[in-house]
N, C-alpha and C. Protein backbone atom coordinates (compact mmCIF):
# COMPACT_ATOMS: atom_id res chain seq x y z
N MET A 1 -16.08 -0.04 21.69
CA MET A 1 -14.81 -0.57 22.18
C MET A 1 -14.11 0.50 23.03
N PHE A 2 -13.49 1.48 22.36
CA PHE A 2 -12.85 2.55 23.13
C PHE A 2 -13.16 3.89 22.49
N HIS A 3 -13.29 4.92 23.30
CA HIS A 3 -13.63 6.25 22.79
C HIS A 3 -12.61 7.25 23.32
N PHE A 4 -11.95 7.96 22.41
CA PHE A 4 -10.95 8.95 22.82
C PHE A 4 -11.59 10.33 22.90
N LYS A 5 -11.26 11.07 23.94
CA LYS A 5 -11.82 12.42 24.09
C LYS A 5 -10.94 13.41 23.33
N GLY A 6 -11.56 14.31 22.59
CA GLY A 6 -10.80 15.31 21.87
C GLY A 6 -10.16 14.75 20.60
N VAL A 7 -10.67 13.62 20.11
CA VAL A 7 -10.13 13.05 18.87
C VAL A 7 -11.22 13.05 17.81
N PRO A 8 -10.92 13.48 16.59
CA PRO A 8 -11.91 13.51 15.51
C PRO A 8 -12.56 12.14 15.32
N PRO A 9 -13.86 12.10 15.02
CA PRO A 9 -14.60 10.84 14.83
C PRO A 9 -13.97 9.97 13.73
N SER A 10 -13.43 10.62 12.70
CA SER A 10 -12.85 9.85 11.59
C SER A 10 -11.71 8.97 12.09
N ILE A 11 -10.91 9.49 13.01
CA ILE A 11 -9.77 8.71 13.53
C ILE A 11 -10.28 7.57 14.40
N THR A 12 -11.28 7.85 15.23
CA THR A 12 -11.83 6.80 16.10
C THR A 12 -12.46 5.71 15.23
N LYS A 13 -13.11 6.14 14.15
CA LYS A 13 -13.73 5.15 13.24
C LYS A 13 -12.64 4.26 12.66
N LYS A 14 -11.54 4.88 12.24
CA LYS A 14 -10.43 4.11 11.66
C LYS A 14 -9.87 3.15 12.70
N ALA A 15 -9.69 3.64 13.91
CA ALA A 15 -9.13 2.81 14.99
C ALA A 15 -10.04 1.62 15.25
N LYS A 16 -11.35 1.87 15.28
CA LYS A 16 -12.31 0.78 15.52
C LYS A 16 -12.22 -0.24 14.39
N PHE A 17 -12.13 0.25 13.15
CA PHE A 17 -12.05 -0.66 12.00
C PHE A 17 -10.78 -1.50 12.07
N VAL A 18 -9.67 -0.86 12.40
CA VAL A 18 -8.38 -1.57 12.48
C VAL A 18 -8.43 -2.62 13.58
N SER A 19 -8.96 -2.24 14.74
CA SER A 19 -9.02 -3.19 15.86
C SER A 19 -9.92 -4.36 15.50
N LYS A 20 -11.01 -4.09 14.77
CA LYS A 20 -11.92 -5.17 14.36
C LYS A 20 -11.20 -6.13 13.42
N ALA A 21 -10.49 -5.57 12.45
CA ALA A 21 -9.76 -6.41 11.49
C ALA A 21 -8.69 -7.22 12.22
N TYR A 22 -7.99 -6.59 13.15
CA TYR A 22 -6.94 -7.29 13.90
C TYR A 22 -7.55 -8.42 14.73
N PHE A 23 -8.72 -8.16 15.33
CA PHE A 23 -9.39 -9.18 16.14
C PHE A 23 -9.77 -10.37 15.27
N ARG A 24 -10.29 -10.09 14.07
CA ARG A 24 -10.67 -11.17 13.15
C ARG A 24 -9.44 -11.97 12.74
N LYS A 25 -8.35 -11.27 12.48
CA LYS A 25 -7.11 -11.95 12.06
C LYS A 25 -6.64 -12.90 13.17
N SER A 26 -6.63 -12.40 14.40
CA SER A 26 -6.15 -13.23 15.52
C SER A 26 -7.07 -14.43 15.70
N GLN A 27 -8.36 -14.25 15.50
CA GLN A 27 -9.30 -15.37 15.64
C GLN A 27 -9.01 -16.43 14.58
N LYS A 28 -8.77 -15.99 13.35
CA LYS A 28 -8.48 -16.94 12.26
C LYS A 28 -7.21 -17.72 12.58
N GLN A 29 -6.20 -17.03 13.10
CA GLN A 29 -4.94 -17.70 13.43
C GLN A 29 -5.16 -18.74 14.53
N GLN A 30 -6.02 -18.43 15.48
CA GLN A 30 -6.28 -19.37 16.58
C GLN A 30 -6.99 -20.61 16.04
N ARG A 31 -7.87 -20.43 15.05
CA ARG A 31 -8.59 -21.58 14.49
C ARG A 31 -7.61 -22.53 13.81
N LEU A 32 -6.60 -21.95 13.15
CA LEU A 32 -5.61 -22.80 12.48
C LEU A 32 -4.76 -23.47 13.55
């Protein structure tokens, strides 16, 4: 998705996980 330069991998992993969860949430809301 997105890669930040000079940012620890743990933070990028967290950001990816959060964005994935947010994307799933928005998809569920659209289905309703």
